[in-house]
Amino acid sequence: MRPTQHPSNNRVLGAPPGWNQGGELPCSALAITDATQGGMPCVVSFWRPDAAELALLNAGGLVALSIVGGTMPPASVFATNEETL
């Protein structure tokens, strides 16, 4: 999936300080939206699957969320359209 610009985006995250951009895992800028979910502040990024990923999902494939580091912070994954957050 590729990160996708959304009309609600109001900030851009860059690589963390000290990130090795020349290493095996470069970190690109990511447009995000500062939002609130369930009364908690959060940031939302939007991702669009390509045709092959859509075919895989429609065939019963899974969405995977990978977080760099040794733990998983609270996260949610959901489907939305262009008009809603």
C-alpha atoms as a PDB file:
ATOM      1  CA  MET A   1       0.000   0.000   0.000  1.00  0.00           C
ATOM      2  CA  ARG A   2       1.163   3.482  -0.624  1.00  0.00           C
ATOM      3  CA  PRO A   3       0.642   6.475   1.644  1.00  0.00           C
ATOM      4  CA  THR A   4      -1.966   8.789   0.140  1.00  0.00           C
ATOM      5  CA  GLN A   5      -2.613  12.493   0.616  1.00  0.00           C
ATOM      6  CA  HIS A   6      -6.018  13.203   2.227  1.00  0.00           C
ATOM      7  CA  PRO A   7      -7.809  16.579   2.343  1.00  0.00           C
ATOM      8  CA  SER A   8      -7.678  16.512   6.150  1.00  0.00           C
ATOM      9  CA  ASN A   9      -3.866  16.189   6.340  1.00  0.00           C
ATOM     10  CA  ASN A  10      -2.438  19.015   8.426  1.00  0.00           C
ATOM     11  CA  ARG A  11       1.092  17.880   9.255  1.00  0.00           C
ATOM     12  CA  VAL A  12       3.979  15.865   7.837  1.00  0.00           C
ATOM     13  CA  LEU A  13       6.131  13.457   9.832  1.00  0.00           C
ATOM     14  CA  GLY A  14       9.733  12.895   8.817  1.00  0.00           C
ATOM     15  CA  ALA A  15      12.224  10.238   9.808  1.00  0.00           C
ATOM     16  CA  PRO A  16      13.000  10.050  13.535  1.00  0.00           C
ATOM     17  CA  PRO A  17      16.210  11.774  14.682  1.00  0.00           C
ATOM     18  CA  GLY A  18      19.228   9.584  14.005  1.00  0.00           C
ATOM     19  CA  TRP A  19      17.407   7.376  11.487  1.00  0.00           C
ATOM     20  CA  ASN A  20      19.809   5.752   9.009  1.00  0.00           C
ATOM     21  CA  GLN A  21      18.285   6.837   5.700  1.00  0.00           C
ATOM     22  CA  GLY A  22      21.054   5.023   3.835  1.00  0.00           C
ATOM     23  CA  GLY A  23      20.304   1.712   5.550  1.00  0.00           C
ATOM     24  CA  GLU A  24      18.009  -1.123   4.573  1.00  0.00           C
ATOM     25  CA  LEU A  25      14.859   0.661   5.766  1.00  0.00           C
ATOM     26  CA  PRO A  26      14.601   4.266   4.500  1.00  0.00           C
ATOM     27  CA  CYS A  27      11.885   6.391   6.100  1.00  0.00           C
ATOM     28  CA  SER A  28       9.913   8.713   3.803  1.00  0.00           C
ATOM     29  CA  ALA A  29       7.877  11.745   4.843  1.00  0.00           C
ATOM     30  CA  LEU A  30       4.318  10.833   5.824  1.00  0.00           C
ATOM     31  CA  ALA A  31       1.362  13.228   5.618  1.00  0.00           C
ATOM     32  CA  ILE A  32      -0.883  12.858   8.671  1.00  0.00           C
ATOM     33  CA  THR A  33      -4.018  14.297  10.217  1.00  0.00           C
ATOM     34  CA  ASP A  34      -4.151  15.269  13.876  1.00  0.00           C
ATOM     35  CA  ALA A  35      -7.500  13.943  15.108  1.00  0.00           C
ATOM     36  CA  THR A  36      -9.382  12.618  18.122  1.00  0.00           C
ATOM     37  CA  GLN A  37     -10.795   9.100  18.422  1.00  0.00           C
ATOM     38  CA  GLY A  38     -12.771   8.055  21.484  1.00  0.00           C
ATOM     39  CA  GLY A  39     -11.708  11.252  23.226  1.00  0.00           C
ATOM     40  CA  MET A  40      -8.023  10.443  22.745  1.00  0.00           C
ATOM     41  CA  PRO A  41      -5.634  12.476  20.555  1.00  0.00           C
ATOM     42  CA  CYS A  42      -4.306  10.497  17.613  1.00  0.00           C
ATOM     43  CA  VAL A  43      -2.663  10.873  14.240  1.00  0.00           C
ATOM     44  CA  VAL A  44      -4.132   9.294  11.110  1.00  0.00           C
ATOM     45  CA  SER A  45      -2.356   8.423   7.869  1.00  0.00           C
ATOM     46  CA  PHE A  46      -4.144   7.198   4.761  1.00  0.00           C
ATOM     47  CA  TRP A  47      -3.023   4.284   2.588  1.00  0.00           C
ATOM     48  CA  ARG A  48      -4.310   3.122  -0.790  1.00  0.00           C
ATOM     49  CA  PRO A  49      -3.930  -0.520  -1.873  1.00  0.00           C
ATOM     50  CA  ASP A  50      -2.888  -1.210  -5.455  1.00  0.00           C
ATOM     51  CA  ALA A  51      -4.763  -3.624  -7.741  1.00  0.00           C
ATOM     52  CA  ALA A  52      -2.709  -6.654  -6.664  1.00  0.00           C
ATOM     53  CA  GLU A  53      -3.268  -5.869  -2.969  1.00  0.00           C
ATOM     54  CA  LEU A  54      -7.003  -5.383  -3.544  1.00  0.00           C
ATOM     55  CA  ALA A  55      -7.163  -8.757  -5.297  1.00  0.00           C
ATOM     56  CA  LEU A  56      -5.333 -10.366  -2.374  1.00  0.00           C
ATOM     57  CA  LEU A  57      -7.688  -8.755   0.157  1.00  0.00           C
ATOM     58  CA  ASN A  58     -10.769  -9.720  -1.854  1.00  0.00           C
ATOM     59  CA  ALA A  59      -9.499 -13.304  -1.885  1.00  0.00           C
ATOM     60  CA  GLY A  60      -9.403 -13.334   1.930  1.00  0.00           C
ATOM     61  CA  GLY A  61      -5.915 -11.895   2.484  1.00  0.00           C
ATOM     62  CA  LEU A  62      -5.036  -9.918   5.585  1.00  0.00           C
ATOM     63  CA  VAL A  63      -3.919  -6.365   6.320  1.00  0.00           C
ATOM     64  CA  ALA A  64      -0.644  -6.342   8.296  1.00  0.00           C
ATOM     65  CA  LEU A  65       0.494  -3.445  10.493  1.00  0.00           C
ATOM     66  CA  SER A  66       4.241  -3.349  11.163  1.00  0.00           C
ATOM     67  CA  ILE A  67       5.658  -1.022  13.833  1.00  0.00           C
ATOM     68  CA  VAL A  68       9.392  -0.389  14.117  1.00  0.00           C
ATOM     69  CA  GLY A  69      10.538  -1.204  17.640  1.00  0.00           C
ATOM     70  CA  GLY A  70       9.968  -3.834  20.285  1.00  0.00           C
ATOM     71  CA  THR A  71       6.338  -3.176  21.220  1.00  0.00           C
ATOM     72  CA  MET A  72       3.013  -2.296  19.634  1.00  0.00           C
ATOM     73  CA  PRO A  73       1.521   1.063  20.628  1.00  0.00           C
ATOM     74  CA  PRO A  74      -2.261   1.361  20.648  1.00  0.00           C
ATOM     75  CA  ALA A  75      -3.306   1.402  16.977  1.00  0.00           C
ATOM     76  CA  SER A  76      -6.369   0.948  14.807  1.00  0.00           C
ATOM     77  CA  VAL A  77      -6.787   0.029  11.161  1.00  0.00           C
ATOM     78  CA  PHE A  78     -10.034   0.814   9.349  1.00  0.00           C
ATOM     79  CA  ALA A  79     -11.530   1.539   5.935  1.00  0.00           C
ATOM     80  CA  THR A  80     -12.792   5.002   5.040  1.00  0.00           C
ATOM     81  CA  ASN A  81     -13.637   7.084   1.991  1.00  0.00           C
ATOM     82  CA  GLU A  82     -12.210  10.373   0.791  1.00  0.00           C
ATOM     83  CA  GLU A  83     -14.875  12.478   2.568  1.00  0.00           C
ATOM     84  CA  THR A  84     -14.704  11.063   6.092  1.00  0.00           C
ATOM     85  CA  LEU A  85     -12.024  10.534   8.690  1.00  0.00           C
END
